[in-house]
Amino acid sequence: MKTITLRIPTSFKEWKEFIREKSTSRKKHNQEVLWDFANAISSEALSNYWRNDISETMVK
């Protein structure tokens, strides 16, 4: 059996907290995605495969 719980804000304070919680979790997720992307590009640029194709300036 599955249970579904709905949280419905009933006051302005609860509504503000609900919006703040959603925006904070979205911001953290976006930061993690961008950080993973930056690490992937960095590791690819520093791999030996690209060393002869790109200049030292592009690696930095």
PDB file of N, CA and C in Angstrom:
ATOM      1  N   MET A   1       0.841  -1.166   0.000  1.00  0.00           N
ATOM      2  CA  MET A   1       0.000   0.000   0.000  1.00  0.00           C
ATOM      3  C   MET A   1       0.892   1.238   0.000  1.00  0.00           C
ATOM      4  N   LYS A   2       0.516   2.219  -0.781  1.00  0.00           N
ATOM      5  CA  LYS A   2       1.281   3.453  -0.858  1.00  0.00           C
ATOM      6  C   LYS A   2       0.507   4.583  -0.182  1.00  0.00           C
ATOM      7  N   THR A   3       1.244   5.480   0.401  1.00  0.00           N
ATOM      8  CA  THR A   3       0.642   6.619   1.077  1.00  0.00           C
ATOM      9  C   THR A   3       1.100   7.890   0.401  1.00  0.00           C
ATOM     10  N   ILE A   4       0.176   8.780   0.161  1.00  0.00           N
ATOM     11  CA  ILE A   4       0.492  10.079  -0.428  1.00  0.00           C
ATOM     12  C   ILE A   4       0.184  11.149   0.613  1.00  0.00           C
ATOM     13  N   THR A   5       1.161  12.004   0.865  1.00  0.00           N
ATOM     14  CA  THR A   5       0.992  13.081   1.825  1.00  0.00           C
ATOM     15  C   THR A   5       1.095  14.401   1.087  1.00  0.00           C
ATOM     16  N   LEU A   6       0.110  15.226   1.253  1.00  0.00           N
ATOM     17  CA  LEU A   6       0.112  16.562   0.646  1.00  0.00           C
ATOM     18  C   LEU A   6       0.309  17.600   1.731  1.00  0.00           C
ATOM     19  N   ARG A   7       1.258  18.471   1.492  1.00  0.00           N
ATOM     20  CA  ARG A   7       1.471  19.598   2.404  1.00  0.00           C
ATOM     21  C   ARG A   7       0.916  20.840   1.738  1.00  0.00           C
ATOM     22  N   ILE A   8      -0.113  21.393   2.300  1.00  0.00           N
ATOM     23  CA  ILE A   8      -0.739  22.593   1.748  1.00  0.00           C
ATOM     24  C   ILE A   8      -0.532  23.734   2.733  1.00  0.00           C
ATOM     25  N   PRO A   9       0.169  24.785   2.319  1.00  0.00           N
ATOM     26  CA  PRO A   9       0.378  25.912   3.225  1.00  0.00           C
ATOM     27  C   PRO A   9      -0.947  26.628   3.509  1.00  0.00           C
ATOM     28  N   THR A  10      -1.167  26.939   4.773  1.00  0.00           N
ATOM     29  CA  THR A  10      -2.430  27.587   5.164  1.00  0.00           C
ATOM     30  C   THR A  10      -2.231  29.017   5.629  1.00  0.00           C
ATOM     31  N   SER A  11      -1.002  29.450   5.766  1.00  0.00           N
ATOM     32  CA  SER A  11      -0.748  30.838   6.171  1.00  0.00           C
ATOM     33  C   SER A  11       0.357  31.410   5.285  1.00  0.00           C
ATOM     34  N   PHE A  12       0.503  32.716   5.342  1.00  0.00           N
ATOM     35  CA  PHE A  12       1.532  33.382   4.542  1.00  0.00           C
ATOM     36  C   PHE A  12       2.922  32.920   4.967  1.00  0.00           C
ATOM     37  N   LYS A  13       3.129  32.735   6.269  1.00  0.00           N
ATOM     38  CA  LYS A  13       4.428  32.288   6.774  1.00  0.00           C
ATOM     39  C   LYS A  13       4.751  30.892   6.233  1.00  0.00           C
ATOM     40  N   GLU A  14       3.779  29.989   6.258  1.00  0.00           N
ATOM     41  CA  GLU A  14       3.994  28.646   5.715  1.00  0.00           C
ATOM     42  C   GLU A  14       4.239  28.696   4.210  1.00  0.00           C
ATOM     43  N   TRP A  15       3.546  29.564   3.511  1.00  0.00           N
ATOM     44  CA  TRP A  15       3.720  29.712   2.070  1.00  0.00           C
ATOM     45  C   TRP A  15       5.137  30.204   1.747  1.00  0.00           C
ATOM     46  N   LYS A  16       5.611  31.194   2.496  1.00  0.00           N
ATOM     47  CA  LYS A  16       6.962  31.707   2.296  1.00  0.00           C
ATOM     48  C   LYS A  16       8.007  30.610   2.540  1.00  0.00           C
ATOM     49  N   GLU A  17       7.807  29.833   3.604  1.00  0.00           N
ATOM     50  CA  GLU A  17       8.735  28.755   3.922  1.00  0.00           C
ATOM     51  C   GLU A  17       8.718  27.684   2.832  1.00  0.00           C
ATOM     52  N   PHE A  18       7.548  27.380   2.296  1.00  0.00           N
ATOM     53  CA  PHE A  18       7.403  26.401   1.215  1.00  0.00           C
ATOM     54  C   PHE A  18       8.173  26.866  -0.024  1.00  0.00           C
ATOM     55  N   ILE A  19       8.015  28.124  -0.409  1.00  0.00           N
ATOM     56  CA  ILE A  19       8.711  28.677  -1.583  1.00  0.00           C
ATOM     57  C   ILE A  19      10.219  28.701  -1.347  1.00  0.00           C
ATOM     58  N   ARG A  20      10.630  29.104  -0.156  1.00  0.00           N
ATOM     59  CA  ARG A  20      12.058  29.162   0.168  1.00  0.00           C
ATOM     60  C   ARG A  20      12.678  27.766   0.103  1.00  0.00           C
ATOM     61  N   GLU A  21      11.981  26.767   0.617  1.00  0.00           N
ATOM     62  CA  GLU A  21      12.474  25.394   0.588  1.00  0.00           C
ATOM     63  C   GLU A  21      12.625  24.878  -0.838  1.00  0.00           C
ATOM     64  N   LYS A  22      11.640  25.155  -1.679  1.00  0.00           N
ATOM     65  CA  LYS A  22      11.696  24.709  -3.079  1.00  0.00           C
ATOM     66  C   LYS A  22      12.844  25.379  -3.821  1.00  0.00           C
ATOM     67  N   SER A  23      13.011  26.687  -3.638  1.00  0.00           N
ATOM     68  CA  SER A  23      14.062  27.396  -4.370  1.00  0.00           C
ATOM     69  C   SER A  23      15.451  26.980  -3.885  1.00  0.00           C
ATOM     70  N   THR A  24      15.587  26.708  -2.597  1.00  0.00           N
ATOM     71  CA  THR A  24      16.880  26.291  -2.061  1.00  0.00           C
ATOM     72  C   THR A  24      17.267  24.913  -2.592  1.00  0.00           C
ATOM     73  N   SER A  25      16.320  23.988  -2.614  1.00  0.00           N
ATOM     74  CA  SER A  25      16.643  22.648  -3.106  1.00  0.00           C
ATOM     75  C   SER A  25      16.948  22.674  -4.601  1.00  0.00           C
ATOM     76  N   ARG A  26      16.252  23.515  -5.358  1.00  0.00           N
ATOM     77  CA  ARG A  26      16.519  23.634  -6.793  1.00  0.00           C
ATOM     78  C   ARG A  26      17.905  24.234  -7.014  1.00  0.00           C
ATOM     79  N   LYS A  27      18.254  25.234  -6.206  1.00  0.00           N
ATOM     80  CA  LYS A  27      19.563  25.875  -6.334  1.00  0.00           C
ATOM     81  C   LYS A  27      20.685  24.877  -6.033  1.00  0.00           C
ATOM     82  N   LYS A  28      20.511  24.069  -4.993  1.00  0.00           N
ATOM     83  CA  LYS A  28      21.534  23.070  -4.656  1.00  0.00           C
ATOM     84  C   LYS A  28      21.683  22.047  -5.781  1.00  0.00           C
ATOM     85  N   HIS A  29      20.560  21.624  -6.337  1.00  0.00           N
ATOM     86  CA  HIS A  29      20.616  20.652  -7.431  1.00  0.00           C
ATOM     87  C   HIS A  29      21.351  21.246  -8.641  1.00  0.00           C
ATOM     88  N   ASN A  30      21.030  22.495  -8.986  1.00  0.00           N
ATOM     89  CA  ASN A  30      21.686  23.144 -10.124  1.00  0.00           C
ATOM     90  C   ASN A  30      23.185  23.289  -9.884  1.00  0.00           C
ATOM     91  N   GLN A  31      23.571  23.610  -8.657  1.00  0.00           N
ATOM     92  CA  GLN A  31      24.993  23.725  -8.345  1.00  0.00           C
ATOM     93  C   GLN A  31      25.704  22.387  -8.519  1.00  0.00           C
ATOM     94  N   GLU A  32      25.066  21.318  -8.068  1.00  0.00           N
ATOM     95  CA  GLU A  32      25.670  19.990  -8.213  1.00  0.00           C
ATOM     96  C   GLU A  32      25.820  19.603  -9.679  1.00  0.00           C
ATOM     97  N   VAL A  33      24.805  19.892 -10.489  1.00  0.00           N
ATOM     98  CA  VAL A  33      24.857  19.559 -11.906  1.00  0.00           C
ATOM     99  C   VAL A  33      25.969  20.340 -12.598  1.00  0.00           C
ATOM    100  N   LEU A  34      26.058  21.636 -12.320  1.00  0.00           N
ATOM    101  CA  LEU A  34      27.095  22.453 -12.942  1.00  0.00           C
ATOM    102  C   LEU A  34      28.494  22.043 -12.472  1.00  0.00           C
ATOM    103  N   TRP A  35      28.620  21.680 -11.209  1.00  0.00           N
ATOM    104  CA  TRP A  35      29.917  21.253 -10.692  1.00  0.00           C
ATOM    105  C   TRP A  35      30.353  19.949 -11.361  1.00  0.00           C
ATOM    106  N   ASP A  36      29.424  19.011 -11.514  1.00  0.00           N
ATOM    107  CA  ASP A  36      29.744  17.758 -12.210  1.00  0.00           C
ATOM    108  C   ASP A  36      30.143  18.017 -13.661  1.00  0.00           C
ATOM    109  N   PHE A  37      29.443  18.923 -14.326  1.00  0.00           N
ATOM    110  CA  PHE A  37      29.760  19.276 -15.703  1.00  0.00           C
ATOM    111  C   PHE A  37      31.155  19.897 -15.804  1.00  0.00           C
ATOM    112  N   ALA A  38      31.472  20.815 -14.884  1.00  0.00           N
ATOM    113  CA  ALA A  38      32.788  21.454 -14.892  1.00  0.00           C
ATOM    114  C   ALA A  38      33.893  20.434 -14.636  1.00  0.00           C
ATOM    115  N   ASN A  39      33.661  19.506 -13.732  1.00  0.00           N
ATOM    116  CA  ASN A  39      34.663  18.463 -13.463  1.00  0.00           C
ATOM    117  C   ASN A  39      34.858  17.565 -14.673  1.00  0.00           C
ATOM    118  N   ALA A  40      33.777  17.234 -15.366  1.00  0.00           N
ATOM    119  CA  ALA A  40      33.888  16.378 -16.552  1.00  0.00           C
ATOM    120  C   ALA A  40      34.687  17.069 -17.650  1.00  0.00           C
ATOM    121  N   ILE A  41      34.420  18.353 -17.878  1.00  0.00           N
ATOM    122  CA  ILE A  41      35.166  19.099 -18.899  1.00  0.00           C
ATOM    123  C   ILE A  41      36.625  19.221 -18.504  1.00  0.00           C
ATOM    124  N   SER A  42      36.877  19.495 -17.244  1.00  0.00           N
ATOM    125  CA  SER A  42      38.252  19.639 -16.771  1.00  0.00           C
ATOM    126  C   SER A  42      39.028  18.341 -16.932  1.00  0.00           C
ATOM    127  N   SER A  43      38.431  17.234 -16.543  1.00  0.00           N
ATOM    128  CA  SER A  43      39.148  15.963 -16.671  1.00  0.00           C
ATOM    129  C   SER A  43      39.373  15.594 -18.134  1.00  0.00           C
ATOM    130  N   GLU A  44      38.432  15.940 -18.983  1.00  0.00           N
ATOM    131  CA  GLU A  44      38.594  15.664 -20.416  1.00  0.00           C
ATOM    132  C   GLU A  44      39.700  16.531 -21.024  1.00  0.00           C
ATOM    133  N   ALA A  45      39.762  17.791 -20.613  1.00  0.00           N
ATOM    134  CA  ALA A  45      40.786  18.692 -21.140  1.00  0.00           C
ATOM    135  C   ALA A  45      42.179  18.274 -20.677  1.00  0.00           C
ATOM    136  N   LEU A  46      42.268  17.734 -19.474  1.00  0.00           N
ATOM    137  CA  LEU A  46      43.564  17.349 -18.943  1.00  0.00           C
ATOM    138  C   LEU A  46      43.974  15.924 -19.307  1.00  0.00           C
ATOM    139  N   SER A  47      43.115  15.207 -19.991  1.00  0.00           N
ATOM    140  CA  SER A  47      43.464  13.837 -20.384  1.00  0.00           C
ATOM    141  C   SER A  47      44.491  13.879 -21.516  1.00  0.00           C
ATOM    142  N   ASN A  48      45.192  12.808 -21.687  1.00  0.00           N
ATOM    143  CA  ASN A  48      46.244  12.755 -22.710  1.00  0.00           C
ATOM    144  C   ASN A  48      45.691  12.770 -24.123  1.00  0.00           C
ATOM    145  N   TYR A  49      44.444  12.430 -24.297  1.00  0.00           N
ATOM    146  CA  TYR A  49      43.848  12.386 -25.634  1.00  0.00           C
ATOM    147  C   TYR A  49      43.874  13.747 -26.310  1.00  0.00           C
ATOM    148  N   TRP A  50      43.575  14.804 -25.569  1.00  0.00           N
ATOM    149  CA  TRP A  50      43.481  16.149 -26.161  1.00  0.00           C
ATOM    150  C   TRP A  50      44.780  16.936 -26.083  1.00  0.00           C
ATOM    151  N   ARG A  51      45.786  16.417 -25.435  1.00  0.00           N
ATOM    152  CA  ARG A  51      46.998  17.201 -25.177  1.00  0.00           C
ATOM    153  C   ARG A  51      47.619  17.763 -26.453  1.00  0.00           C
ATOM    154  N   ASN A  52      47.612  17.039 -27.551  1.00  0.00           N
ATOM    155  CA  ASN A  52      48.228  17.516 -28.788  1.00  0.00           C
ATOM    156  C   ASN A  52      47.293  18.410 -29.607  1.00  0.00           C
ATOM    157  N   ASP A  53      46.002  18.382 -29.318  1.00  0.00           N
ATOM    158  CA  ASP A  53      45.040  19.122 -30.130  1.00  0.00           C
ATOM    159  C   ASP A  53      44.731  20.526 -29.605  1.00  0.00           C
ATOM    160  N   ILE A  54      44.891  20.766 -28.329  1.00  0.00           N
ATOM    161  CA  ILE A  54      44.539  22.080 -27.799  1.00  0.00           C
ATOM    162  C   ILE A  54      45.769  22.726 -27.158  1.00  0.00           C
ATOM    163  N   SER A  55      45.748  24.036 -27.154  1.00  0.00           N
ATOM    164  CA  SER A  55      46.900  24.771 -26.619  1.00  0.00           C
ATOM    165  C   SER A  55      46.875  24.756 -25.098  1.00  0.00           C
ATOM    166  N   GLU A  56      47.973  25.149 -24.503  1.00  0.00           N
ATOM    167  CA  GLU A  56      48.098  25.226 -23.043  1.00  0.00           C
ATOM    168  C   GLU A  56      47.131  26.254 -22.472  1.00  0.00           C
ATOM    169  N   THR A  57      46.860  27.318 -23.219  1.00  0.00           N
ATOM    170  CA  THR A  57      45.920  28.351 -22.765  1.00  0.00           C
ATOM    171  C   THR A  57      44.517  27.775 -22.610  1.00  0.00           C
ATOM    172  N   MET A  58      44.090  26.946 -23.542  1.00  0.00           N
ATOM    173  CA  MET A  58      42.752  26.346 -23.467  1.00  0.00           C
ATOM    174  C   MET A  58      42.663  25.368 -22.297  1.00  0.00           C
ATOM    175  N   VAL A  59      43.757  24.678 -22.000  1.00  0.00           N
ATOM    176  CA  VAL A  59      43.740  23.739 -20.879  1.00  0.00           C
ATOM    177  C   VAL A  59      43.548  24.484 -19.569  1.00  0.00           C
ATOM    178  N   LYS A  60      44.236  25.627 -19.447  1.00  0.00           N
ATOM    179  CA  LYS A  60      44.102  26.418 -18.228  1.00  0.00           C
ATOM    180  C   LYS A  60      42.744  27.033 -18.145  1.00  0.00           C
TER     181      LYS A  60
END
